[in-house]
Amino acid sequence: MREEEIKRKRTESRLVELLPEAFAGMNDNRINSLSVTAVVCSRGRYDAKVYLDKSYLTEKEQNEALKQLRAVTGYLSTYVRESEGWYKAPKFTFEFDAQLEQISKIDALFKEIAKRHDKNKEDKSDES
């Protein structure tokens, strides 16, 4: 791994920790309980895409939270800069993470396959 990649990964890791702290300090209930699942920074670390957990929010609440997050991006940048002593913070874009849903769907499919496999084994042993 090159030095630039290491710096980017370190920045991403630090942002995963700092952003929930910043959210918790806000008085808005739509934001302060959000959890960050991942942060992906651009190559130069100028932009950061923040993935949020949406498991307990309705679609309307998700839209409201995204709207509010766009409104407080300046506060978040200031919080990150001051916490880390950085000269500049990345430009944040927020998105709800659908990966957790996909993982649970895949797990359900594997369980279904395992049930069918076990059933086929039982049927074959009964025929013998």
N, C-alpha and C. Protein backbone atom coordinates (compact mmCIF):
# COMPACT_ATOMS: atom_id res chain seq x y z
N MET A 1 0.84 -1.17 0.00
CA MET A 1 0.00 0.00 0.00
C MET A 1 0.89 1.24 0.00
N ARG A 2 0.56 2.17 -0.88
CA ARG A 2 1.35 3.40 -0.97
C ARG A 2 1.01 4.33 0.19
N GLU A 3 1.90 5.30 0.40
CA GLU A 3 1.73 6.23 1.52
C GLU A 3 0.44 7.03 1.39
N GLU A 4 0.09 7.43 0.17
CA GLU A 4 -1.12 8.20 -0.05
C GLU A 4 -2.37 7.39 0.32
N GLU A 5 -2.35 6.11 -0.01
CA GLU A 5 -3.48 5.24 0.32
C GLU A 5 -3.59 5.07 1.84
N ILE A 6 -2.47 4.96 2.50
CA ILE A 6 -2.46 4.83 3.96
C ILE A 6 -3.05 6.08 4.60
N LYS A 7 -2.66 7.24 4.12
CA LYS A 7 -3.19 8.50 4.64
C LYS A 7 -4.70 8.60 4.42
N ARG A 8 -5.15 8.16 3.24
CA ARG A 8 -6.59 8.21 2.93
C ARG A 8 -7.37 7.27 3.85
N LYS A 9 -6.85 6.07 4.06
CA LYS A 9 -7.51 5.11 4.96
C LYS A 9 -7.54 5.62 6.39
N ARG A 10 -6.47 6.27 6.80
CA ARG A 10 -6.41 6.83 8.15
C ARG A 10 -7.45 7.95 8.30
N THR A 11 -7.57 8.78 7.28
CA THR A 11 -8.56 9.86 7.29
C THR A 11 -9.97 9.28 7.35
N GLU A 12 -10.24 8.27 6.53
CA GLU A 12 -11.56 7.64 6.52
C GLU A 12 -11.90 7.06 7.90
N SER A 13 -10.94 6.38 8.49
CA SER A 13 -11.13 5.78 9.80
C SER A 13 -11.42 6.84 10.86
N ARG A 14 -10.69 7.91 10.81
CA ARG A 14 -10.88 8.98 11.79
C ARG A 14 -12.25 9.65 11.61
N LEU A 15 -12.69 9.82 10.37
CA LEU A 15 -13.99 10.43 10.11
C LEU A 15 -15.13 9.54 10.60
N VAL A 16 -14.96 8.22 10.51
CA VAL A 16 -15.99 7.31 11.01
C VAL A 16 -16.18 7.51 12.51
N GLU A 17 -15.13 7.88 13.20
CA GLU A 17 -15.22 8.14 14.64
C GLU A 17 -15.73 9.54 14.95
N LEU A 18 -15.26 10.54 14.20
CA LEU A 18 -15.57 11.93 14.51
C LEU A 18 -17.00 12.34 14.16
N LEU A 19 -17.51 11.88 13.03
CA LEU A 19 -18.83 12.33 12.60
C LEU A 19 -19.95 11.95 13.57
N PRO A 20 -19.99 10.72 14.10
CA PRO A 20 -21.03 10.45 15.11
C PRO A 20 -20.91 11.32 16.35
N GLU A 21 -19.68 11.67 16.73
CA GLU A 21 -19.48 12.61 17.84
C GLU A 21 -20.12 13.96 17.52
N ALA A 22 -19.90 14.42 16.30
CA ALA A 22 -20.48 15.70 15.88
C ALA A 22 -22.00 15.62 15.83
N PHE A 23 -22.52 14.49 15.32
CA PHE A 23 -23.98 14.32 15.27
C PHE A 23 -24.58 14.36 16.67
N ALA A 24 -23.92 13.70 17.62
CA ALA A 24 -24.43 13.61 18.99
C ALA A 24 -24.50 14.98 19.66
N GLY A 25 -23.65 15.89 19.24
CA GLY A 25 -23.64 17.22 19.83
C GLY A 25 -24.73 18.14 19.31
N MET A 26 -25.50 17.69 18.34
CA MET A 26 -26.54 18.52 17.76
C MET A 26 -27.86 18.31 18.49
N ASN A 27 -28.72 19.32 18.43
CA ASN A 27 -30.01 19.26 19.11
C ASN A 27 -31.11 18.66 18.25
N ASP A 28 -30.79 18.21 17.06
CA ASP A 28 -31.78 17.68 16.13
C ASP A 28 -31.86 16.16 16.27
N ASN A 29 -33.02 15.66 16.67
CA ASN A 29 -33.19 14.22 16.87
C ASN A 29 -33.08 13.42 15.58
N ARG A 30 -33.30 14.07 14.44
CA ARG A 30 -33.17 13.37 13.15
C ARG A 30 -31.72 13.03 12.86
N ILE A 31 -30.81 13.78 13.46
CA ILE A 31 -29.39 13.62 13.14
C ILE A 31 -28.61 12.97 14.28
N ASN A 32 -28.88 13.37 15.52
CA ASN A 32 -27.96 12.97 16.59
C ASN A 32 -27.92 11.48 16.90
N SER A 33 -28.85 10.71 16.37
CA SER A 33 -28.80 9.27 16.61
C SER A 33 -28.33 8.47 15.39
N LEU A 34 -27.92 9.16 14.33
CA LEU A 34 -27.46 8.47 13.13
C LEU A 34 -26.11 7.80 13.38
N SER A 35 -25.93 6.63 12.81
CA SER A 35 -24.64 5.96 12.92
C SER A 35 -23.99 5.86 11.55
N VAL A 36 -22.71 6.07 11.53
CA VAL A 36 -21.92 6.05 10.30
C VAL A 36 -21.41 4.63 10.09
N THR A 37 -21.71 4.04 8.93
CA THR A 37 -21.24 2.69 8.64
C THR A 37 -19.89 2.71 7.92
N ALA A 38 -19.67 3.73 7.10
CA ALA A 38 -18.40 3.82 6.37
C ALA A 38 -18.21 5.23 5.83
N VAL A 39 -16.97 5.57 5.55
CA VAL A 39 -16.61 6.82 4.89
C VAL A 39 -15.62 6.47 3.78
N VAL A 40 -15.88 6.99 2.59
CA VAL A 40 -14.97 6.76 1.46
C VAL A 40 -14.50 8.12 0.97
N CYS A 41 -13.20 8.37 1.08
CA CYS A 41 -12.62 9.63 0.64
C CYS A 41 -12.14 9.52 -0.79
N SER A 42 -12.16 10.65 -1.49
CA SER A 42 -11.61 10.69 -2.84
C SER A 42 -10.10 10.59 -2.76
N ARG A 43 -9.49 10.48 -3.90
CA ARG A 43 -8.04 10.28 -3.94
C ARG A 43 -7.26 11.39 -3.23
N GLY A 44 -7.64 12.61 -3.43
CA GLY A 44 -6.93 13.71 -2.79
C GLY A 44 -7.48 14.08 -1.43
N ARG A 45 -8.44 13.34 -0.96
CA ARG A 45 -9.13 13.56 0.32
C ARG A 45 -9.85 14.90 0.36
N TYR A 46 -10.30 15.37 -0.80
CA TYR A 46 -11.06 16.61 -0.86
C TYR A 46 -12.56 16.37 -0.67
N ASP A 47 -12.99 15.18 -1.04
CA ASP A 47 -14.40 14.80 -0.92
C ASP A 47 -14.50 13.53 -0.09
N ALA A 48 -15.57 13.44 0.69
CA ALA A 48 -15.81 12.24 1.49
C ALA A 48 -17.27 11.86 1.39
N LYS A 49 -17.52 10.64 0.96
CA LYS A 49 -18.89 10.12 0.91
C LYS A 49 -19.13 9.36 2.21
N VAL A 50 -20.13 9.80 2.95
CA VAL A 50 -20.43 9.22 4.26
C VAL A 50 -21.65 8.33 4.13
N TYR A 51 -21.51 7.06 4.50
CA TYR A 51 -22.61 6.10 4.45
C TYR A 51 -23.21 5.95 5.84
N LEU A 52 -24.52 6.06 5.92
CA LEU A 52 -25.24 6.02 7.19
C LEU A 52 -26.14 4.80 7.27
N ASP A 53 -26.36 4.33 8.49
CA ASP A 53 -27.25 3.19 8.73
C ASP A 53 -28.69 3.67 8.67
N LYS A 54 -29.51 2.98 7.88
CA LYS A 54 -30.90 3.40 7.73
C LYS A 54 -31.88 2.39 8.31
N SER A 55 -31.41 1.46 9.09
CA SER A 55 -32.22 0.33 9.51
C SER A 55 -33.48 0.73 10.29
N TYR A 56 -33.46 1.79 11.02
CA TYR A 56 -34.61 2.14 11.85
C TYR A 56 -35.36 3.38 11.35
N LEU A 57 -35.07 3.85 10.16
CA LEU A 57 -35.71 5.06 9.63
C LEU A 57 -36.64 4.73 8.46
N THR A 58 -37.76 5.45 8.41
CA THR A 58 -38.63 5.33 7.24
C THR A 58 -38.02 6.15 6.11
N GLU A 59 -38.57 5.99 4.92
CA GLU A 59 -38.03 6.72 3.78
C GLU A 59 -38.20 8.23 3.96
N LYS A 60 -39.31 8.64 4.54
CA LYS A 60 -39.55 10.07 4.78
C LYS A 60 -38.52 10.61 5.77
N GLU A 61 -38.26 9.86 6.84
CA GLU A 61 -37.27 10.29 7.83
C GLU A 61 -35.87 10.33 7.23
N GLN A 62 -35.57 9.40 6.33
CA GLN A 62 -34.28 9.41 5.65
C GLN A 62 -34.11 10.69 4.83
N ASN A 63 -35.13 11.05 4.08
CA ASN A 63 -35.06 12.26 3.26
C ASN A 63 -34.90 13.50 4.13
N GLU A 64 -35.63 13.56 5.24
CA GLU A 64 -35.50 14.70 6.15
C GLU A 64 -34.10 14.77 6.75
N ALA A 65 -33.56 13.61 7.12
CA ALA A 65 -32.22 13.58 7.72
C ALA A 65 -31.17 14.04 6.71
N LEU A 66 -31.28 13.58 5.47
CA LEU A 66 -30.33 14.00 4.44
C LEU A 66 -30.41 15.50 4.19
N LYS A 67 -31.62 16.01 4.17
CA LYS A 67 -31.81 17.46 3.97
C LYS A 67 -31.16 18.24 5.11
N GLN A 68 -31.37 17.79 6.33
CA GLN A 68 -30.80 18.46 7.49
C GLN A 68 -29.27 18.32 7.51
N LEU A 69 -28.76 17.17 7.11
CA LEU A 69 -27.31 16.99 7.06
C LEU A 69 -26.66 17.94 6.06
N ARG A 70 -27.32 18.13 4.92
CA ARG A 70 -26.78 19.09 3.94
C ARG A 70 -26.74 20.50 4.53
N ALA A 71 -27.71 20.80 5.38
CA ALA A 71 -27.76 22.14 5.98
C ALA A 71 -26.66 22.35 7.02
N VAL A 72 -26.20 21.30 7.67
CA VAL A 72 -25.21 21.45 8.74
C VAL A 72 -23.81 21.00 8.33
N THR A 73 -23.58 20.86 7.04
CA THR A 73 -22.28 20.43 6.55
C THR A 73 -21.16 21.36 7.01
N GLY A 74 -21.42 22.65 7.05
CA GLY A 74 -20.41 23.61 7.50
C GLY A 74 -20.00 23.36 8.94
N TYR A 75 -21.00 23.10 9.80
CA TYR A 75 -20.71 22.79 11.21
C TYR A 75 -19.86 21.53 11.31
N LEU A 76 -20.22 20.51 10.54
CA LEU A 76 -19.48 19.25 10.58
C LEU A 76 -18.03 19.45 10.14
N SER A 77 -17.82 20.23 9.09
CA SER A 77 -16.46 20.51 8.61
C SER A 77 -15.65 21.22 9.69
N THR A 78 -16.26 22.21 10.32
CA THR A 78 -15.58 22.95 11.39
C THR A 78 -15.25 22.03 12.56
N TYR A 79 -16.19 21.18 12.93
CA TYR A 79 -15.97 20.24 14.04
C TYR A 79 -14.78 19.33 13.74
N VAL A 80 -14.74 18.78 12.53
CA VAL A 80 -13.66 17.87 12.15
C VAL A 80 -12.33 18.60 12.12
N ARG A 81 -12.30 19.79 11.53
CA ARG A 81 -11.05 20.56 11.46
C ARG A 81 -10.52 20.88 12.84
N GLU A 82 -11.40 21.33 13.72
CA GLU A 82 -10.95 21.72 15.06
C GLU A 82 -10.55 20.50 15.90
N SER A 83 -11.27 19.40 15.75
CA SER A 83 -10.95 18.20 16.53
C SER A 83 -9.59 17.62 16.16
N GLU A 84 -9.26 17.64 14.89
CA GLU A 84 -8.03 17.03 14.42
C GLU A 84 -6.91 18.02 14.15
N GLY A 85 -7.22 19.30 14.17
CA GLY A 85 -6.20 20.30 13.87
C GLY A 85 -5.85 20.35 12.40
N TRP A 86 -6.78 19.92 11.56
CA TRP A 86 -6.56 19.93 10.12
C TRP A 86 -6.76 21.33 9.57
N TYR A 87 -6.06 21.65 8.51
CA TYR A 87 -6.22 22.93 7.83
C TYR A 87 -7.52 22.94 7.03
N LYS A 88 -7.85 21.79 6.47
CA LYS A 88 -9.02 21.69 5.61
C LYS A 88 -9.72 20.37 5.86
N ALA A 89 -11.05 20.39 5.81
CA ALA A 89 -11.83 19.16 5.94
C ALA A 89 -12.41 18.80 4.58
N PRO A 90 -12.66 17.54 4.34
CA PRO A 90 -13.25 17.15 3.06
C PRO A 90 -14.68 17.68 2.92
N LYS A 91 -15.13 17.77 1.69
CA LYS A 91 -16.52 18.14 1.42
C LYS A 91 -17.35 16.87 1.60
N PHE A 92 -18.34 16.94 2.48
CA PHE A 92 -19.12 15.75 2.82
C PHE A 92 -20.35 15.62 1.92
N THR A 93 -20.59 14.39 1.48
CA THR A 93 -21.87 14.02 0.87
C THR A 93 -22.37 12.82 1.64
N PHE A 94 -23.67 12.78 1.87
CA PHE A 94 -24.26 11.74 2.71
C PHE A 94 -25.19 10.85 1.90
N GLU A 95 -25.18 9.57 2.28
CA GLU A 95 -25.98 8.59 1.58
C GLU A 95 -26.30 7.46 2.57
N PHE A 96 -27.52 6.94 2.48
CA PHE A 96 -27.86 5.82 3.35
C PHE A 96 -27.36 4.53 2.74
N ASP A 97 -26.82 3.68 3.58
CA ASP A 97 -26.15 2.45 3.16
C ASP A 97 -27.16 1.33 2.95
N ALA A 98 -27.22 0.83 1.73
CA ALA A 98 -28.13 -0.28 1.41
C ALA A 98 -27.41 -1.62 1.53
N GLN A 99 -26.14 -1.60 1.82
CA GLN A 99 -25.35 -2.82 1.87
C GLN A 99 -25.83 -3.77 2.98
N LEU A 100 -26.26 -3.23 4.12
CA LEU A 100 -26.71 -4.08 5.21
C LEU A 100 -27.95 -4.87 4.81
N GLU A 101 -28.86 -4.24 4.07
CA GLU A 101 -30.05 -4.94 3.58
C GLU A 101 -29.65 -6.03 2.60
N GLN A 102 -28.71 -5.74 1.72
CA GLN A 102 -28.27 -6.72 0.75
C GLN A 102 -27.63 -7.92 1.44
N ILE A 103 -26.87 -7.67 2.47
CA ILE A 103 -26.22 -8.76 3.21
C ILE A 103 -27.27 -9.64 3.86
N SER A 104 -28.30 -9.04 4.46
CA SER A 104 -29.33 -9.85 5.11
C SER A 104 -30.13 -10.65 4.09
N LYS A 105 -30.35 -10.10 2.89
CA LYS A 105 -31.03 -10.85 1.83
C LYS A 105 -30.19 -12.04 1.38
N ILE A 106 -28.90 -11.84 1.24
CA ILE A 106 -28.00 -12.92 0.84
C ILE A 106 -27.97 -14.01 1.91
N ASP A 107 -27.93 -13.59 3.19
CA ASP A 107 -27.95 -14.57 4.28
C ASP A 107 -29.23 -15.40 4.25
N ALA A 108 -30.37 -14.73 3.99
CA ALA A 108 -31.64 -15.45 3.91
C ALA A 108 -31.63 -16.45 2.76
N LEU A 109 -31.04 -16.06 1.63
CA LEU A 109 -30.94 -16.98 0.50
C LEU A 109 -30.08 -18.20 0.84
N PHE A 110 -28.96 -17.97 1.51
CA PHE A 110 -28.12 -19.10 1.90
C PHE A 110 -28.84 -20.04 2.87
N LYS A 111 -29.62 -19.49 3.79
CA LYS A 111 -30.39 -20.32 4.72
C LYS A 111 -31.42 -21.16 3.97
N GLU A 112 -32.06 -20.54 2.98
CA GLU A 112 -33.05 -21.26 2.16
C GLU A 112 -32.38 -22.39 1.38
N ILE A 113 -31.21 -22.12 0.83
CA ILE A 113 -30.47 -23.14 0.09
C ILE A 113 -30.09 -24.29 1.03
N ALA A 114 -29.65 -23.96 2.23
CA ALA A 114 -29.27 -24.99 3.20
C ALA A 114 -30.47 -25.85 3.57
N LYS A 115 -31.65 -25.25 3.76
CA LYS A 115 -32.86 -26.01 4.07
C LYS A 115 -33.20 -26.97 2.94
N ARG A 116 -33.15 -26.47 1.71
CA ARG A 116 -33.46 -27.32 0.56
C ARG A 116 -32.44 -28.46 0.43
N HIS A 117 -31.19 -28.15 0.69
CA HIS A 117 -30.14 -29.17 0.61
C HIS A 117 -30.38 -30.26 1.66
N ASP A 118 -30.70 -29.85 2.88
CA ASP A 118 -30.98 -30.81 3.95
C ASP A 118 -32.21 -31.65 3.61
N LYS A 119 -33.23 -31.03 3.06
CA LYS A 119 -34.45 -31.74 2.69
C LYS A 119 -34.16 -32.77 1.61
N ASN A 120 -33.36 -32.40 0.61
CA ASN A 120 -32.99 -33.33 -0.45
C ASN A 120 -32.20 -34.51 0.09
N LYS A 121 -31.33 -34.29 1.06
CA LYS A 121 -30.56 -35.37 1.68
C LYS A 121 -31.50 -36.35 2.39
N GLU A 122 -32.50 -35.79 3.11
CA GLU A 122 -33.45 -36.63 3.84
C GLU A 122 -34.27 -37.46 2.86
N ASP A 123 -34.72 -36.83 1.75
CA ASP A 123 -35.51 -37.54 0.75
C ASP A 123 -34.70 -38.68 0.14
N LYS A 124 -33.45 -38.47 -0.15
CA LYS A 124 -32.60 -39.49 -0.74
C LYS A 124 -32.33 -40.64 0.24
N SER A 125 -32.17 -40.30 1.52
CA SER A 125 -31.92 -41.35 2.53
C SER A 125 -33.18 -42.18 2.76
N ASP A 126 -34.36 -41.59 2.61
CA ASP A 126 -35.62 -42.30 2.78
C ASP A 126 -35.82 -43.29 1.61
N GLU A 127 -35.33 -42.96 0.43
CA GLU A 127 -35.49 -43.81 -0.74
C GLU A 127 -34.61 -45.06 -0.64
N SER A 128 -33.51 -44.98 0.10
CA SER A 128 -32.55 -46.10 0.18
C SER A 128 -33.05 -47.23 0.97
